[in-house]
Amino acid sequence: MKKLSKVQEKQQALVLNVADKIEEQGRAELPGMLQCWFDVEYHLFPGSLLMCFQFENQQTLDAAEPDILKWQKRLSGAMLKKGVILKDMRKHLKFTLNGPDD
């Protein structure tokens, strides 16, 4: 893996901070949520950011699905507070059964 530049390290710290906060909220409010993970290519940041909420089974995923827009807005708002604008918030957060290694 290539070493990150200083700017990319700051971006990584920002994303980790937001992911930790939103994961904590998600676990408290969404039954069956296992974890929050993300994938990002820092040279294409913020357009390449994809954050995923992983659920334990299809029933918990289906139950949470109606709230996805609320969580996409939360992510967008949290990133905006850090000075990062997500142009299309719907592209940057999804609910899934897959883990980061799947």
Protein backbone atom coordinates (compact mmCIF):
# COMPACT_ATOMS: atom_id res chain seq x y z
CA MET A 1 0.00 0.00 0.00
CA LYS A 2 1.27 3.42 -0.96
CA LYS A 3 2.14 5.87 1.80
CA LEU A 4 -0.44 8.62 2.26
CA SER A 5 0.48 12.26 1.82
CA LYS A 6 -0.04 14.75 4.67
CA VAL A 7 -3.30 15.93 3.06
CA GLN A 8 -4.50 12.34 2.64
CA GLU A 9 -3.62 11.60 6.27
CA LYS A 10 -5.81 14.55 7.34
CA GLN A 11 -8.61 13.25 5.13
CA GLN A 12 -8.25 9.79 6.65
CA ALA A 13 -8.41 11.20 10.19
CA LEU A 14 -11.51 13.22 9.29
CA VAL A 15 -13.29 10.19 7.78
CA LEU A 16 -12.35 7.97 10.74
CA ASN A 17 -13.66 10.59 13.18
CA VAL A 18 -16.98 10.90 11.34
CA ALA A 19 -17.26 7.11 10.92
CA ASP A 20 -16.72 6.53 14.65
CA LYS A 21 -19.42 9.04 15.59
CA ILE A 22 -21.97 7.84 13.06
CA GLU A 23 -21.28 4.18 13.96
CA GLU A 24 -21.95 4.94 17.63
CA GLN A 25 -25.26 6.60 16.72
CA GLY A 26 -26.18 3.75 14.37
CA ARG A 27 -25.57 1.04 16.94
CA ALA A 28 -27.73 2.93 19.44
CA GLU A 29 -30.61 3.60 17.03
CA LEU A 30 -30.62 0.72 14.52
CA PRO A 31 -31.32 -2.76 15.92
CA GLY A 32 -29.12 -5.41 14.33
CA MET A 33 -26.42 -3.06 13.08
CA LEU A 34 -23.05 -4.77 13.49
CA GLN A 35 -20.58 -2.16 12.32
CA CYS A 36 -19.88 0.81 10.12
CA TRP A 37 -17.05 0.52 7.60
CA PHE A 38 -15.92 2.61 4.70
CA ASP A 39 -13.92 2.52 1.50
CA VAL A 40 -12.25 5.57 0.00
CA GLU A 41 -9.64 6.40 -2.60
CA TYR A 42 -8.00 9.49 -1.15
CA HIS A 43 -6.83 10.83 -4.49
CA LEU A 44 -10.54 10.97 -5.50
CA PHE A 45 -11.84 12.20 -2.12
CA PRO A 46 -14.62 13.08 -1.32
CA GLY A 47 -16.30 11.63 -4.42
CA SER A 48 -14.95 8.13 -3.75
CA LEU A 49 -16.16 7.86 -0.14
CA LEU A 50 -18.51 4.94 0.45
CA MET A 51 -19.64 4.26 4.01
CA CYS A 52 -21.55 1.07 4.75
CA PHE A 53 -23.68 0.03 7.70
CA GLN A 54 -23.43 -3.75 8.07
CA PHE A 55 -26.44 -5.60 9.49
CA GLU A 56 -26.60 -9.06 11.02
CA ASN A 57 -29.42 -10.45 8.84
CA GLN A 58 -31.93 -9.62 6.11
CA GLN A 59 -34.77 -8.86 8.57
CA THR A 60 -32.78 -6.19 10.43
CA LEU A 61 -31.60 -4.76 7.11
CA ASP A 62 -35.17 -4.61 5.77
CA ALA A 63 -36.37 -2.97 9.00
CA ALA A 64 -33.67 -0.27 8.77
CA GLU A 65 -34.04 0.43 5.04
CA PRO A 66 -36.84 3.06 5.41
CA ASP A 67 -34.43 5.19 7.49
CA ILE A 68 -31.54 5.20 5.02
CA LEU A 69 -32.22 8.75 3.79
CA LYS A 70 -32.03 10.03 7.39
CA TRP A 71 -28.60 8.40 7.79
CA GLN A 72 -27.39 9.70 4.43
CA LYS A 73 -28.35 13.20 5.59
CA ARG A 74 -26.54 12.64 8.91
CA LEU A 75 -23.37 11.59 7.09
CA SER A 76 -23.60 14.54 4.74
CA GLY A 77 -24.18 16.94 7.66
CA ALA A 78 -21.30 15.48 9.69
CA MET A 79 -18.94 15.81 6.73
CA LEU A 80 -20.14 19.35 6.06
CA LYS A 81 -19.32 20.32 9.66
CA LYS A 82 -15.77 19.15 8.90
CA GLY A 83 -15.68 21.27 5.73
CA VAL A 84 -16.29 18.46 3.22
CA ILE A 85 -19.20 18.71 0.79
CA LEU A 86 -20.75 15.48 -0.50
CA LYS A 87 -22.45 16.46 -3.75
CA ASP A 88 -24.82 13.49 -3.92
CA MET A 89 -25.35 12.16 -0.39
CA ARG A 90 -27.17 9.07 -1.68
CA LYS A 91 -23.96 7.74 -3.26
CA HIS A 92 -21.93 7.80 -0.05
CA LEU A 93 -23.84 5.61 2.42
CA LYS A 94 -25.55 2.27 2.00
CA PHE A 95 -26.95 -0.49 4.20
CA THR A 96 -25.58 -3.98 3.54
CA LEU A 97 -25.15 -7.50 4.88
CA ASN A 98 -21.56 -7.62 3.56
CA GLY A 99 -18.53 -6.92 5.66
CA PRO A 100 -15.44 -4.99 4.56
CA ASP A 101 -13.71 -8.20 3.44
CA ASP A 102 -16.63 -9.62 1.41
